[in-house]
PDB file of N, CA and C in Angstrom:
ATOM      1  N   VAL A   1       4.140  -1.312   6.335  1.00  0.00           N
ATOM      2  CA  VAL A   1       4.094  -0.776   4.989  1.00  0.00           C
ATOM      3  C   VAL A   1       5.482  -0.788   4.353  1.00  0.00           C
ATOM      4  N   LEU A   2       6.480  -0.372   5.102  1.00  0.00           N
ATOM      5  CA  LEU A   2       7.816  -0.298   4.515  1.00  0.00           C
ATOM      6  C   LEU A   2       8.347  -1.678   4.144  1.00  0.00           C
ATOM      7  N   MET A   3       7.975  -2.704   4.893  1.00  0.00           N
ATOM      8  CA  MET A   3       8.389  -4.058   4.534  1.00  0.00           C
ATOM      9  C   MET A   3       7.719  -4.468   3.217  1.00  0.00           C
ATOM     10  N   ALA A   4       6.500  -3.999   2.996  1.00  0.00           N
ATOM     11  CA  ALA A   4       5.820  -4.279   1.727  1.00  0.00           C
ATOM     12  C   ALA A   4       6.578  -3.643   0.567  1.00  0.00           C
ATOM     13  N   PHE A   5       7.189  -2.478   0.799  1.00  0.00           N
ATOM     14  CA  PHE A   5       8.015  -1.865  -0.243  1.00  0.00           C
ATOM     15  C   PHE A   5       9.165  -2.782  -0.612  1.00  0.00           C
ATOM     16  N   LEU A   6       9.870  -3.278   0.385  1.00  0.00           N
ATOM     17  CA  LEU A   6      11.010  -4.162   0.118  1.00  0.00           C
ATOM     18  C   LEU A   6      10.571  -5.424  -0.614  1.00  0.00           C
ATOM     19  N   GLU A   7       9.453  -5.984  -0.200  1.00  0.00           N
ATOM     20  CA  GLU A   7       8.952  -7.189  -0.859  1.00  0.00           C
ATOM     21  C   GLU A   7       8.608  -6.889  -2.317  1.00  0.00           C
ATOM     22  N   SER A   8       7.930  -5.782  -2.559  1.00  0.00           N
ATOM     23  CA  SER A   8       7.564  -5.408  -3.927  1.00  0.00           C
ATOM     24  C   SER A   8       8.791  -5.131  -4.778  1.00  0.00           C
ATOM     25  N   LEU A   9       9.726  -4.378  -4.230  1.00  0.00           N
ATOM     26  CA  LEU A   9      10.951  -4.072  -4.970  1.00  0.00           C
ATOM     27  C   LEU A   9      11.734  -5.352  -5.279  1.00  0.00           C
ATOM     28  N   SER A  10      11.753  -6.286  -4.348  1.00  0.00           N
ATOM     29  CA  SER A  10      12.494  -7.534  -4.578  1.00  0.00           C
ATOM     30  C   SER A  10      11.867  -8.347  -5.708  1.00  0.00           C
ATOM     31  N   LEU A  11      10.593  -8.125  -5.964  1.00  0.00           N
ATOM     32  CA  LEU A  11       9.905  -8.803  -7.059  1.00  0.00           C
ATOM     33  C   LEU A  11       9.984  -8.015  -8.366  1.00  0.00           C
ATOM     34  N   GLY A  12      10.688  -6.898  -8.336  1.00  0.00           N
ATOM     35  CA  GLY A  12      10.845  -6.094  -9.536  1.00  0.00           C
ATOM     36  C   GLY A  12       9.656  -5.211  -9.843  1.00  0.00           C
ATOM     37  N   LEU A  13       8.932  -4.809  -8.824  1.00  0.00           N
ATOM     38  CA  LEU A  13       7.780  -3.932  -9.017  1.00  0.00           C
ATOM     39  C   LEU A  13       8.118  -2.504  -8.612  1.00  0.00           C
ATOM     40  N   PRO A  14       7.861  -1.530  -9.489  1.00  0.00           N
ATOM     41  CA  PRO A  14       8.065  -0.136  -9.081  1.00  0.00           C
ATOM     42  C   PRO A  14       7.011   0.260  -8.050  1.00  0.00           C
ATOM     43  N   ILE A  15       7.309   1.274  -7.242  1.00  0.00           N
ATOM     44  CA  ILE A  15       6.440   1.690  -6.154  1.00  0.00           C
ATOM     45  C   ILE A  15       5.864   3.073  -6.444  1.00  0.00           C
ATOM     46  N   VAL A  16       4.603   3.257  -6.090  1.00  0.00           N
ATOM     47  CA  VAL A  16       3.971   4.576  -6.058  1.00  0.00           C
ATOM     48  C   VAL A  16       3.497   4.750  -4.623  1.00  0.00           C
ATOM     49  N   ALA A  17       4.051   5.749  -3.932  1.00  0.00           N
ATOM     50  CA  ALA A  17       3.753   5.898  -2.505  1.00  0.00           C
ATOM     51  C   ALA A  17       3.597   7.357  -2.128  1.00  0.00           C
ATOM     52  N   LEU A  18       2.975   7.562  -0.969  1.00  0.00           N
ATOM     53  CA  LEU A  18       2.841   8.907  -0.413  1.00  0.00           C
ATOM     54  C   LEU A  18       4.137   9.334   0.246  1.00  0.00           C
ATOM     55  N   ASP A  19       4.390  10.615   0.238  1.00  0.00           N
ATOM     56  CA  ASP A  19       5.577  11.174   0.875  1.00  0.00           C
ATOM     57  C   ASP A  19       5.354  11.249   2.389  1.00  0.00           C
ATOM     58  N   THR A  20       5.485  10.103   3.014  1.00  0.00           N
ATOM     59  CA  THR A  20       5.311  10.013   4.461  1.00  0.00           C
ATOM     60  C   THR A  20       6.548   9.368   5.067  1.00  0.00           C
ATOM     61  N   TYR A  21       6.468   9.057   6.313  1.00  0.00           N
ATOM     62  CA  TYR A  21       7.563   8.552   7.122  1.00  0.00           C
ATOM     63  C   TYR A  21       8.454   7.539   6.406  1.00  0.00           C
ATOM     64  N   ALA A  22       9.708   7.854   6.226  1.00  0.00           N
ATOM     65  CA  ALA A  22      10.781   6.977   5.743  1.00  0.00           C
ATOM     66  C   ALA A  22      10.626   6.474   4.315  1.00  0.00           C
ATOM     67  N   VAL A  23       9.630   6.919   3.581  1.00  0.00           N
ATOM     68  CA  VAL A  23       9.451   6.464   2.205  1.00  0.00           C
ATOM     69  C   VAL A  23      10.673   6.806   1.360  1.00  0.00           C
ATOM     70  N   ILE A  24      11.248   7.963   1.580  1.00  0.00           N
ATOM     71  CA  ILE A  24      12.411   8.402   0.813  1.00  0.00           C
ATOM     72  C   ILE A  24      13.617   7.481   0.999  1.00  0.00           C
ATOM     73  N   ASP A  25      13.634   6.694   2.071  1.00  0.00           N
ATOM     74  CA  ASP A  25      14.716   5.750   2.299  1.00  0.00           C
ATOM     75  C   ASP A  25      14.649   4.549   1.354  1.00  0.00           C
ATOM     76  N   TYR A  26      13.503   4.334   0.742  1.00  0.00           N
ATOM     77  CA  TYR A  26      13.305   3.168  -0.110  1.00  0.00           C
ATOM     78  C   TYR A  26      13.079   3.510  -1.578  1.00  0.00           C
ATOM     79  N   ILE A  27      12.602   4.703  -1.827  1.00  0.00           N
ATOM     80  CA  ILE A  27      12.243   5.072  -3.193  1.00  0.00           C
ATOM     81  C   ILE A  27      13.084   6.250  -3.668  1.00  0.00           C
ATOM     82  N   SER A  28      13.712   6.066  -4.816  1.00  0.00           N
ATOM     83  CA  SER A  28      14.401   7.158  -5.505  1.00  0.00           C
ATOM     84  C   SER A  28      13.499   7.553  -6.664  1.00  0.00           C
ATOM     85  N   VAL A  29      12.961   8.756  -6.605  1.00  0.00           N
ATOM     86  CA  VAL A  29      11.959   9.208  -7.571  1.00  0.00           C
ATOM     87  C   VAL A  29      12.484   9.079  -8.997  1.00  0.00           C
ATOM     88  N   GLY A  30      11.705   8.392  -9.822  1.00  0.00           N
ATOM     89  CA  GLY A  30      12.062   8.196 -11.213  1.00  0.00           C
ATOM     90  C   GLY A  30      13.028   7.048 -11.437  1.00  0.00           C
ATOM     91  N   TYR A  31      13.605   6.510 -10.384  1.00  0.00           N
ATOM     92  CA  TYR A  31      14.565   5.408 -10.504  1.00  0.00           C
ATOM     93  C   TYR A  31      13.889   4.061 -10.217  1.00  0.00           C
ATOM     94  N   ASN A  32      13.205   3.973  -9.085  1.00  0.00           N
ATOM     95  CA  ASN A  32      12.524   2.720  -8.747  1.00  0.00           C
ATOM     96  C   ASN A  32      11.070   2.954  -8.332  1.00  0.00           C
ATOM     97  N   GLY A  33      10.588   4.170  -8.533  1.00  0.00           N
ATOM     98  CA  GLY A  33       9.201   4.463  -8.196  1.00  0.00           C
ATOM     99  C   GLY A  33       8.925   5.949  -8.181  1.00  0.00           C
ATOM    100  N   PHE A  34       7.760   6.275  -7.656  1.00  0.00           N
ATOM    101  CA  PHE A  34       7.334   7.665  -7.559  1.00  0.00           C
ATOM    102  C   PHE A  34       6.850   7.946  -6.142  1.00  0.00           C
ATOM    103  N   ILE A  35       7.115   9.154  -5.688  1.00  0.00           N
ATOM    104  CA  ILE A  35       6.606   9.607  -4.400  1.00  0.00           C
ATOM    105  C   ILE A  35       5.635  10.750  -4.687  1.00  0.00           C
ATOM    106  N   VAL A  36       4.432  10.608  -4.163  1.00  0.00           N
ATOM    107  CA  VAL A  36       3.378  11.590  -4.361  1.00  0.00           C
ATOM    108  C   VAL A  36       3.173  12.349  -3.052  1.00  0.00           C
ATOM    109  N   GLY A  37       3.065  13.649  -3.139  1.00  0.00           N
ATOM    110  CA  GLY A  37       2.839  14.467  -1.949  1.00  0.00           C
ATOM    111  C   GLY A  37       1.603  14.020  -1.187  1.00  0.00           C
ATOM    112  N   LYS A  38       1.713  13.983   0.122  1.00  0.00           N
ATOM    113  CA  LYS A  38       0.608  13.504   0.957  1.00  0.00           C
ATOM    114  C   LYS A  38      -0.561  14.495   0.953  1.00  0.00           C
ATOM    115  N   SER A  39      -1.670  14.034   1.443  1.00  0.00           N
ATOM    116  CA  SER A  39      -2.872  14.856   1.497  1.00  0.00           C
ATOM    117  C   SER A  39      -2.705  15.992   2.493  1.00  0.00           C
ATOM    118  N   GLU A  40      -3.102  17.177   2.079  1.00  0.00           N
ATOM    119  CA  GLU A  40      -3.074  18.329   2.976  1.00  0.00           C
ATOM    120  C   GLU A  40      -4.208  18.261   3.991  1.00  0.00           C
ATOM    121  N   ARG A  41      -5.143  17.359   3.773  1.00  0.00           N
ATOM    122  CA  ARG A  41      -6.295  17.218   4.670  1.00  0.00           C
ATOM    123  C   ARG A  41      -5.987  16.382   5.909  1.00  0.00           C
ATOM    124  N   VAL A  42      -4.836  15.745   5.923  1.00  0.00           N
ATOM    125  CA  VAL A  42      -4.482  14.875   7.052  1.00  0.00           C
ATOM    126  C   VAL A  42      -3.429  15.571   7.902  1.00  0.00           C
ATOM    127  N   SER A  43      -3.878  16.234   8.947  1.00  0.00           N
ATOM    128  CA  SER A  43      -2.948  16.961   9.811  1.00  0.00           C
ATOM    129  C   SER A  43      -2.132  16.014  10.684  1.00  0.00           C
ATOM    130  N   SER A  44      -2.618  14.805  10.880  1.00  0.00           N
ATOM    131  CA  SER A  44      -1.928  13.852  11.757  1.00  0.00           C
ATOM    132  C   SER A  44      -0.571  13.417  11.217  1.00  0.00           C
ATOM    133  N   TYR A  45      -0.306  13.619   9.917  1.00  0.00           N
ATOM    134  CA  TYR A  45       1.021  13.318   9.385  1.00  0.00           C
ATOM    135  C   TYR A  45       2.079  14.193  10.048  1.00  0.00           C
ATOM    136  N   ASN A  46       1.674  15.376  10.481  1.00  0.00           N
ATOM    137  CA  ASN A  46       2.610  16.316  11.085  1.00  0.00           C
ATOM    138  C   ASN A  46       2.707  16.168  12.592  1.00  0.00           C
ATOM    139  N   TYR A  47       1.965  15.269  13.167  1.00  0.00           N
ATOM    140  CA  TYR A  47       1.988  15.014  14.604  1.00  0.00           C
ATOM    141  C   TYR A  47       3.319  14.366  14.977  1.00  0.00           C
ATOM    142  N   GLU A  48       3.912  14.810  16.047  1.00  0.00           N
ATOM    143  CA  GLU A  48       5.247  14.315  16.408  1.00  0.00           C
ATOM    144  C   GLU A  48       5.291  12.809  16.652  1.00  0.00           C
ATOM    145  N   GLY A  49       4.160  12.209  16.953  1.00  0.00           N
ATOM    146  CA  GLY A  49       4.132  10.769  17.202  1.00  0.00           C
ATOM    147  C   GLY A  49       3.996   9.918  15.959  1.00  0.00           C
ATOM    148  N   TYR A  50       3.857  10.568  14.776  1.00  0.00           N
ATOM    149  CA  TYR A  50       3.714   9.799  13.543  1.00  0.00           C
ATOM    150  C   TYR A  50       4.992   9.028  13.282  1.00  0.00           C
ATOM    151  N   PRO A  51       4.998   7.770  12.939  1.00  0.00           N
ATOM    152  CA  PRO A  51       3.873   6.971  12.486  1.00  0.00           C
ATOM    153  C   PRO A  51       3.193   6.146  13.583  1.00  0.00           C
ATOM    154  N   THR A  52       3.569   6.327  14.822  1.00  0.00           N
ATOM    155  CA  THR A  52       2.964   5.512  15.870  1.00  0.00           C
ATOM    156  C   THR A  52       1.526   5.903  16.160  1.00  0.00           C
ATOM    157  N   ASN A  53       1.061   7.011  15.609  1.00  0.00           N
ATOM    158  CA  ASN A  53      -0.308   7.455  15.861  1.00  0.00           C
ATOM    159  C   ASN A  53      -1.300   6.918  14.841  1.00  0.00           C
ATOM    160  N   THR A  54      -0.886   6.051  13.958  1.00  0.00           N
ATOM    161  CA  THR A  54      -1.754   5.626  12.857  1.00  0.00           C
ATOM    162  C   THR A  54      -2.954   4.803  13.297  1.00  0.00           C
ATOM    163  N   LYS A  55      -2.979   4.324  14.512  1.00  0.00           N
ATOM    164  CA  LYS A  55      -4.133   3.575  15.009  1.00  0.00           C
ATOM    165  C   LYS A  55      -5.102   4.471  15.793  1.00  0.00           C
ATOM    166  N   ARG A  56      -4.741   5.707  15.995  1.00  0.00           N
ATOM    167  CA  ARG A  56      -5.601   6.626  16.751  1.00  0.00           C
ATOM    168  C   ARG A  56      -6.818   7.005  15.926  1.00  0.00           C
ATOM    169  N   ASP A  57      -7.926   7.234  16.631  1.00  0.00           N
ATOM    170  CA  ASP A  57      -9.191   7.545  15.971  1.00  0.00           C
ATOM    171  C   ASP A  57      -9.090   8.761  15.055  1.00  0.00           C
ATOM    172  N   LYS A  58      -8.398   9.817  15.491  1.00  0.00           N
ATOM    173  CA  LYS A  58      -8.290  11.032  14.682  1.00  0.00           C
ATOM    174  C   LYS A  58      -7.596  10.747  13.354  1.00  0.00           C
ATOM    175  N   PHE A  59      -6.514   9.994  13.389  1.00  0.00           N
ATOM    176  CA  PHE A  59      -5.781   9.677  12.164  1.00  0.00           C
ATOM    177  C   PHE A  59      -6.658   8.850  11.226  1.00  0.00           C
ATOM    178  N   VAL A  60      -7.283   7.825  11.757  1.00  0.00           N
ATOM    179  CA  VAL A  60      -8.139   6.969  10.939  1.00  0.00           C
ATOM    180  C   VAL A  60      -9.275   7.788  10.331  1.00  0.00           C
ATOM    181  N   TYR A  61      -9.883   8.668  11.107  1.00  0.00           N
ATOM    182  CA  TYR A  61     -10.948   9.526  10.606  1.00  0.00           C
ATOM    183  C   TYR A  61     -10.436  10.415   9.469  1.00  0.00           C
ATOM    184  N   GLU A  62      -9.275  11.007   9.646  1.00  0.00           N
ATOM    185  CA  GLU A  62      -8.730  11.909   8.625  1.00  0.00           C
ATOM    186  C   GLU A  62      -8.417  11.188   7.321  1.00  0.00           C
ATOM    187  N   ILE A  63      -7.838  10.012   7.391  1.00  0.00           N
ATOM    188  CA  ILE A  63      -7.463   9.321   6.142  1.00  0.00           C
ATOM    189  C   ILE A  63      -8.669   8.703   5.442  1.00  0.00           C
ATOM    190  N   MET A  64      -9.782   8.586   6.139  1.00  0.00           N
ATOM    191  CA  MET A  64     -10.994   8.047   5.521  1.00  0.00           C
ATOM    192  C   MET A  64     -11.725   9.102   4.684  1.00  0.00           C
ATOM    193  N   LYS A  65     -11.384  10.371   4.860  1.00  0.00           N
ATOM    194  CA  LYS A  65     -12.020  11.435   4.082  1.00  0.00           C
ATOM    195  C   LYS A  65     -11.556  11.355   2.626  1.00  0.00           C
ATOM    196  N   GLU A  66     -12.475  11.582   1.736  1.00  0.00           N
ATOM    197  CA  GLU A  66     -12.152  11.558   0.312  1.00  0.00           C
ATOM    198  C   GLU A  66     -11.265  12.750  -0.050  1.00  0.00           C
ATOM    199  N   ASP A  67     -10.225  12.485  -0.824  1.00  0.00           N
ATOM    200  CA  ASP A  67      -9.342  13.542  -1.323  1.00  0.00           C
ATOM    201  C   ASP A  67      -9.124  13.249  -2.806  1.00  0.00           C
ATOM    202  N   ARG A  68      -9.991  13.799  -3.620  1.00  0.00           N
ATOM    203  CA  ARG A  68      -9.939  13.515  -5.061  1.00  0.00           C
ATOM    204  C   ARG A  68      -8.626  13.961  -5.694  1.00  0.00           C
ATOM    205  N   GLU A  69      -8.073  15.048  -5.212  1.00  0.00           N
ATOM    206  CA  GLU A  69      -6.800  15.537  -5.768  1.00  0.00           C
ATOM    207  C   GLU A  69      -5.687  14.514  -5.522  1.00  0.00           C
ATOM    208  N   LEU A  70      -5.611  14.010  -4.320  1.00  0.00           N
ATOM    209  CA  LEU A  70      -4.604  12.995  -4.003  1.00  0.00           C
ATOM    210  C   LEU A  70      -4.830  11.729  -4.827  1.00  0.00           C
ATOM    211  N   THR A  71      -6.073  11.311  -4.909  1.00  0.00           N
ATOM    212  CA  THR A  71      -6.395  10.116  -5.694  1.00  0.00           C
ATOM    213  C   THR A  71      -5.964  10.288  -7.138  1.00  0.00           C
ATOM    214  N   GLU A  72      -6.180  11.452  -7.697  1.00  0.00           N
ATOM    215  CA  GLU A  72      -5.804  11.709  -9.083  1.00  0.00           C
ATOM    216  C   GLU A  72      -4.282  11.716  -9.258  1.00  0.00           C
ATOM    217  N   ARG A  73      -3.572  12.304  -8.306  1.00  0.00           N
ATOM    218  CA  ARG A  73      -2.103  12.317  -8.401  1.00  0.00           C
ATOM    219  C   ARG A  73      -1.540  10.898  -8.345  1.00  0.00           C
ATOM    220  N   LEU A  74      -2.079  10.069  -7.463  1.00  0.00           N
ATOM    221  CA  LEU A  74      -1.648   8.664  -7.386  1.00  0.00           C
ATOM    222  C   LEU A  74      -1.986   7.922  -8.679  1.00  0.00           C
ATOM    223  N   ALA A  75      -3.208   8.139  -9.158  1.00  0.00           N
ATOM    224  CA  ALA A  75      -3.656   7.467 -10.383  1.00  0.00           C
ATOM    225  C   ALA A  75      -2.810   7.871 -11.585  1.00  0.00           C
ATOM    226  N   ASP A  76      -2.388   9.137 -11.645  1.00  0.00           N
ATOM    227  CA  ASP A  76      -1.537   9.591 -12.753  1.00  0.00           C
ATOM    228  C   ASP A  76      -0.245   8.775 -12.824  1.00  0.00           C
ATOM    229  N   LYS A  77       0.368   8.540 -11.680  1.00  0.00           N
ATOM    230  CA  LYS A  77       1.627   7.784 -11.658  1.00  0.00           C
ATOM    231  C   LYS A  77       1.397   6.320 -12.012  1.00  0.00           C
ATOM    232  N   VAL A  78       0.317   5.754 -11.512  1.00  0.00           N
ATOM    233  CA  VAL A  78       0.000   4.357 -11.832  1.00  0.00           C
ATOM    234  C   VAL A  78      -0.310   4.227 -13.319  1.00  0.00           C
ATOM    235  N   ARG A  79      -1.088   5.164 -13.871  1.00  0.00           N
ATOM    236  CA  ARG A  79      -1.385   5.144 -15.304  1.00  0.00           C
ATOM    237  C   ARG A  79      -0.106   5.212 -16.138  1.00  0.00           C
ATOM    238  N   LEU A  80       0.822   6.062 -15.720  1.00  0.00           N
ATOM    239  CA  LEU A  80       2.095   6.184 -16.435  1.00  0.00           C
ATOM    240  C   LEU A  80       2.812   4.839 -16.477  1.00  0.00           C
ATOM    241  N   LEU A  81       2.849   4.152 -15.355  1.00  0.00           N
ATOM    242  CA  LEU A  81       3.517   2.849 -15.308  1.00  0.00           C
ATOM    243  C   LEU A  81       2.777   1.791 -16.134  1.00  0.00           C
ATOM    244  N   ILE A  82       1.468   1.869 -16.157  1.00  0.00           N
ATOM    245  CA  ILE A  82       0.690   0.915 -16.957  1.00  0.00           C
ATOM    246  C   ILE A  82       0.949   1.132 -18.437  1.00  0.00           C
ATOM    247  N   ARG A  83       0.964   2.397 -18.847  1.00  0.00           N
ATOM    248  CA  ARG A  83       1.112   2.728 -20.270  1.00  0.00           C
ATOM    249  C   ARG A  83       2.538   2.574 -20.791  1.00  0.00           C
ATOM    250  N   ASP A  84       3.510   2.788 -19.940  1.00  0.00           N
ATOM    251  CA  ASP A  84       4.913   2.767 -20.372  1.00  0.00           C
ATOM    252  C   ASP A  84       5.608   1.515 -19.832  1.00  0.00           C
ATOM    253  N   GLY A  85       5.492   0.456 -20.593  1.00  0.00           N
ATOM    254  CA  GLY A  85       6.060  -0.826 -20.178  1.00  0.00           C
ATOM    255  C   GLY A  85       7.568  -0.777 -19.982  1.00  0.00           C
ATOM    256  N   GLU A  86       8.260  -0.034 -20.836  1.00  0.00           N
ATOM    257  CA  GLU A  86       9.717   0.067 -20.706  1.00  0.00           C
ATOM    258  C   GLU A  86      10.110   0.751 -19.398  1.00  0.00           C
ATOM    259  N   LEU A  87       9.420   1.838 -19.071  1.00  0.00           N
ATOM    260  CA  LEU A  87       9.688   2.536 -17.820  1.00  0.00           C
ATOM    261  C   LEU A  87       9.398   1.619 -16.637  1.00  0.00           C
ATOM    262  N   ARG A  88       8.278   0.906 -16.700  1.00  0.00           N
ATOM    263  CA  ARG A  88       7.890  -0.010 -15.627  1.00  0.00           C
ATOM    264  C   ARG A  88       8.964  -1.077 -15.420  1.00  0.00           C
ATOM    265  N   LYS A  89       9.445  -1.669 -16.505  1.00  0.00           N
ATOM    266  CA  LYS A  89      10.478  -2.704 -16.410  1.00  0.00           C
ATOM    267  C   LYS A  89      11.789  -2.135 -15.871  1.00  0.00           C
ATOM    268  N   LYS A  90      12.171  -0.965 -16.387  1.00  0.00           N
ATOM    269  CA  LYS A  90      13.415  -0.327 -15.948  1.00  0.00           C
ATOM    270  C   LYS A  90      13.364  -0.010 -14.450  1.00  0.00           C
ATOM    271  N   MET A  91      12.261   0.585 -14.012  1.00  0.00           N
ATOM    272  CA  MET A  91      12.133   0.911 -12.589  1.00  0.00           C
ATOM    273  C   MET A  91      12.080  -0.363 -11.743  1.00  0.00           C
ATOM    274  N   GLY A  92      11.442  -1.381 -12.249  1.00  0.00           N
ATOM    275  CA  GLY A  92      11.391  -2.653 -11.532  1.00  0.00           C
ATOM    276  C   GLY A  92      12.768  -3.262 -11.359  1.00  0.00           C
ATOM    277  N   LYS A  93      13.561  -3.249 -12.429  1.00  0.00           N
ATOM    278  CA  LYS A  93      14.941  -3.766 -12.339  1.00  0.00           C
ATOM    279  C   LYS A  93      15.771  -2.936 -11.374  1.00  0.00           C
ATOM    280  N   ASN A  94      15.598  -1.628 -11.424  1.00  0.00           N
ATOM    281  CA  ASN A  94      16.334  -0.754 -10.516  1.00  0.00           C
ATOM    282  C   ASN A  94      15.970  -1.028  -9.061  1.00  0.00           C
ATOM    283  N   GLY A  95      14.698  -1.243  -8.810  1.00  0.00           N
ATOM    284  CA  GLY A  95      14.257  -1.569  -7.457  1.00  0.00           C
ATOM    285  C   GLY A  95      14.859  -2.867  -6.962  1.00  0.00           C
ATOM    286  N   ARG A  96      14.901  -3.839  -7.841  1.00  0.00           N
ATOM    287  CA  ARG A  96      15.507  -5.141  -7.488  1.00  0.00           C
ATOM    288  C   ARG A  96      16.986  -4.965  -7.144  1.00  0.00           C
ATOM    289  N   LYS A  97      17.685  -4.137  -7.922  1.00  0.00           N
ATOM    290  CA  LYS A  97      19.106  -3.869  -7.643  1.00  0.00           C
ATOM    291  C   LYS A  97      19.295  -3.256  -6.262  1.00  0.00           C
ATOM    292  N   ILE A  98      18.431  -2.321  -5.910  1.00  0.00           N
ATOM    293  CA  ILE A  98      18.528  -1.665  -4.596  1.00  0.00           C
ATOM    294  C   ILE A  98      18.348  -2.682  -3.481  1.00  0.00           C
ATOM    295  N   VAL A  99      17.361  -3.542  -3.614  1.00  0.00           N
ATOM    296  CA  VAL A  99      17.119  -4.554  -2.577  1.00  0.00           C
ATOM    297  C   VAL A  99      18.315  -5.480  -2.457  1.00  0.00           C
ATOM    298  N   GLU A 100      18.865  -5.909  -3.599  1.00  0.00           N
ATOM    299  CA  GLU A 100      19.984  -6.843  -3.578  1.00  0.00           C
ATOM    300  C   GLU A 100      21.262  -6.230  -3.023  1.00  0.00           C
ATOM    301  N   SER A 101      21.401  -4.930  -3.123  1.00  0.00           N
ATOM    302  CA  SER A 101      22.621  -4.308  -2.612  1.00  0.00           C
ATOM    303  C   SER A 101      22.408  -3.666  -1.248  1.00  0.00           C
ATOM    304  N   LYS A 102      21.557  -2.688  -1.178  1.00  0.00           N
ATOM    305  CA  LYS A 102      21.380  -1.892   0.039  1.00  0.00           C
ATOM    306  C   LYS A 102      20.633  -2.629   1.157  1.00  0.00           C
ATOM    307  N   PHE A 103      19.690  -3.500   0.797  1.00  0.00           N
ATOM    308  CA  PHE A 103      18.844  -4.129   1.810  1.00  0.00           C
ATOM    309  C   PHE A 103      19.014  -5.649   1.891  1.00  0.00           C
ATOM    310  N   SER A 104      20.069  -6.175   1.328  1.00  0.00           N
ATOM    311  CA  SER A 104      20.265  -7.626   1.365  1.00  0.00           C
ATOM    312  C   SER A 104      20.691  -8.088   2.760  1.00  0.00           C
ATOM    313  N   ILE A 105      20.520  -9.359   3.005  1.00  0.00           N
ATOM    314  CA  ILE A 105      20.964  -9.937   4.277  1.00  0.00           C
ATOM    315  C   ILE A 105      22.479  -9.790   4.412  1.00  0.00           C
ATOM    316  N   GLU A 106      23.177  -9.964   3.321  1.00  0.00           N
ATOM    317  CA  GLU A 106      24.639  -9.821   3.353  1.00  0.00           C
ATOM    318  C   GLU A 106      25.036  -8.401   3.768  1.00  0.00           C
ATOM    319  N   GLU A 107      24.355  -7.420   3.217  1.00  0.00           N
ATOM    320  CA  GLU A 107      24.662  -6.033   3.556  1.00  0.00           C
ATOM    321  C   GLU A 107      24.318  -5.747   5.014  1.00  0.00           C
ATOM    322  N   ARG A 108      23.191  -6.255   5.458  1.00  0.00           N
ATOM    323  CA  ARG A 108      22.809  -6.086   6.865  1.00  0.00           C
ATOM    324  C   ARG A 108      23.852  -6.713   7.782  1.00  0.00           C
ATOM    325  N   ASN A 109      24.293  -7.922   7.447  1.00  0.00           N
ATOM    326  CA  ASN A 109      25.292  -8.608   8.266  1.00  0.00           C
ATOM    327  C   ASN A 109      26.629  -7.872   8.262  1.00  0.00           C
ATOM    328  N   ARG A 110      26.997  -7.307   7.115  1.00  0.00           N
ATOM    329  CA  ARG A 110      28.243  -6.536   7.026  1.00  0.00           C
ATOM    330  C   ARG A 110      28.181  -5.330   7.963  1.00  0.00           C
ATOM    331  N   LYS A 111      27.050  -4.637   7.960  1.00  0.00           N
ATOM    332  CA  LYS A 111      26.885  -3.467   8.825  1.00  0.00           C
ATOM    333  C   LYS A 111      26.883  -3.871  10.303  1.00  0.00           C
ATOM    334  N   LEU A 112      26.219  -4.961  10.617  1.00  0.00           N
ATOM    335  CA  LEU A 112      26.199  -5.433  12.007  1.00  0.00           C
ATOM    336  C   LEU A 112      27.595  -5.828  12.476  1.00  0.00           C
ATOM    337  N   LYS A 113      28.339  -6.504  11.608  1.00  0.00           N
ATOM    338  CA  LYS A 113      29.701  -6.901  11.971  1.00  0.00           C
ATOM    339  C   LYS A 113      30.553  -5.676  12.251  1.00  0.00           C
ATOM    340  N   LYS A 114      30.419  -4.670  11.412  1.00  0.00           N
ATOM    341  CA  LYS A 114      31.164  -3.429  11.613  1.00  0.00           C
ATOM    342  C   LYS A 114      30.823  -2.801  12.966  1.00  0.00           C
ATOM    343  N   ILE A 115      29.542  -2.778  13.317  1.00  0.00           N
ATOM    344  CA  ILE A 115      29.123  -2.225  14.619  1.00  0.00           C
ATOM    345  C   ILE A 115      29.729  -3.026  15.759  1.00  0.00           C
ATOM    346  N   PHE A 116      29.665  -4.344  15.669  1.00  0.00           N
ATOM    347  CA  PHE A 116      30.212  -5.192  16.737  1.00  0.00           C
ATOM    348  C   PHE A 116      31.736  -5.056  16.829  1.00  0.00           C
ATOM    349  N   ASP A 117      32.411  -4.984  15.662  1.00  0.00           N
ATOM    350  CA  ASP A 117      33.867  -4.820  15.682  1.00  0.00           C
ATOM    351  C   ASP A 117      34.258  -3.520  16.383  1.00  0.00           C
ATOM    352  N   VAL A 118      33.554  -2.449  16.078  1.00  0.00           N
ATOM    353  CA  VAL A 118      33.854  -1.153  16.730  1.00  0.00           C
ATOM    354  C   VAL A 118      33.566  -1.243  18.232  1.00  0.00           C
ATOM    355  N   ALA A 119      32.473  -1.891  18.578  1.00  0.00           N
ATOM    356  CA  ALA A 119      32.102  -2.007  19.993  1.00  0.00           C
ATOM    357  C   ALA A 119      33.116  -2.831  20.785  1.00  0.00           C
ATOM    358  N   LEU A 120      33.730  -3.803  20.131  1.00  0.00           N
ATOM    359  CA  LEU A 120      34.692  -4.674  20.821  1.00  0.00           C
ATOM    360  C   LEU A 120      36.118  -4.102  20.884  1.00  0.00           C
ATOM    361  N   GLU A 121      36.347  -3.021  20.186  1.00  0.00           N
ATOM    362  CA  GLU A 121      37.702  -2.416  20.191  1.00  0.00           C
ATOM    363  C   GLU A 121      38.015  -1.780  21.516  1.00  0.00           C
TER     364      GLU A 121
END
């Protein structure tokens, strides 16, 4: 899922996502997307093994339950982006900037080089 965020952001698409594992590392609320509070009906989000428990029967069962409140909160953010083209474009450009700076191959290589340089000292 998180790789899909990077791919979407690199294409200039704002993100609407649930407040779950590591989402905050990719989305700055109001800058490149929106984070919506997760469903209170899914207790497995609080399980210490999350996100590795997402294939377990209990987790799958919980997320399959209808949560109209969550659906409405997600839809509100998507509707906002559909209706406000300027906001959508601005957030899309901001997302692209984040990918090009924070998550670029050059940035990754710079960080790796720094780690190796310290290790070799």
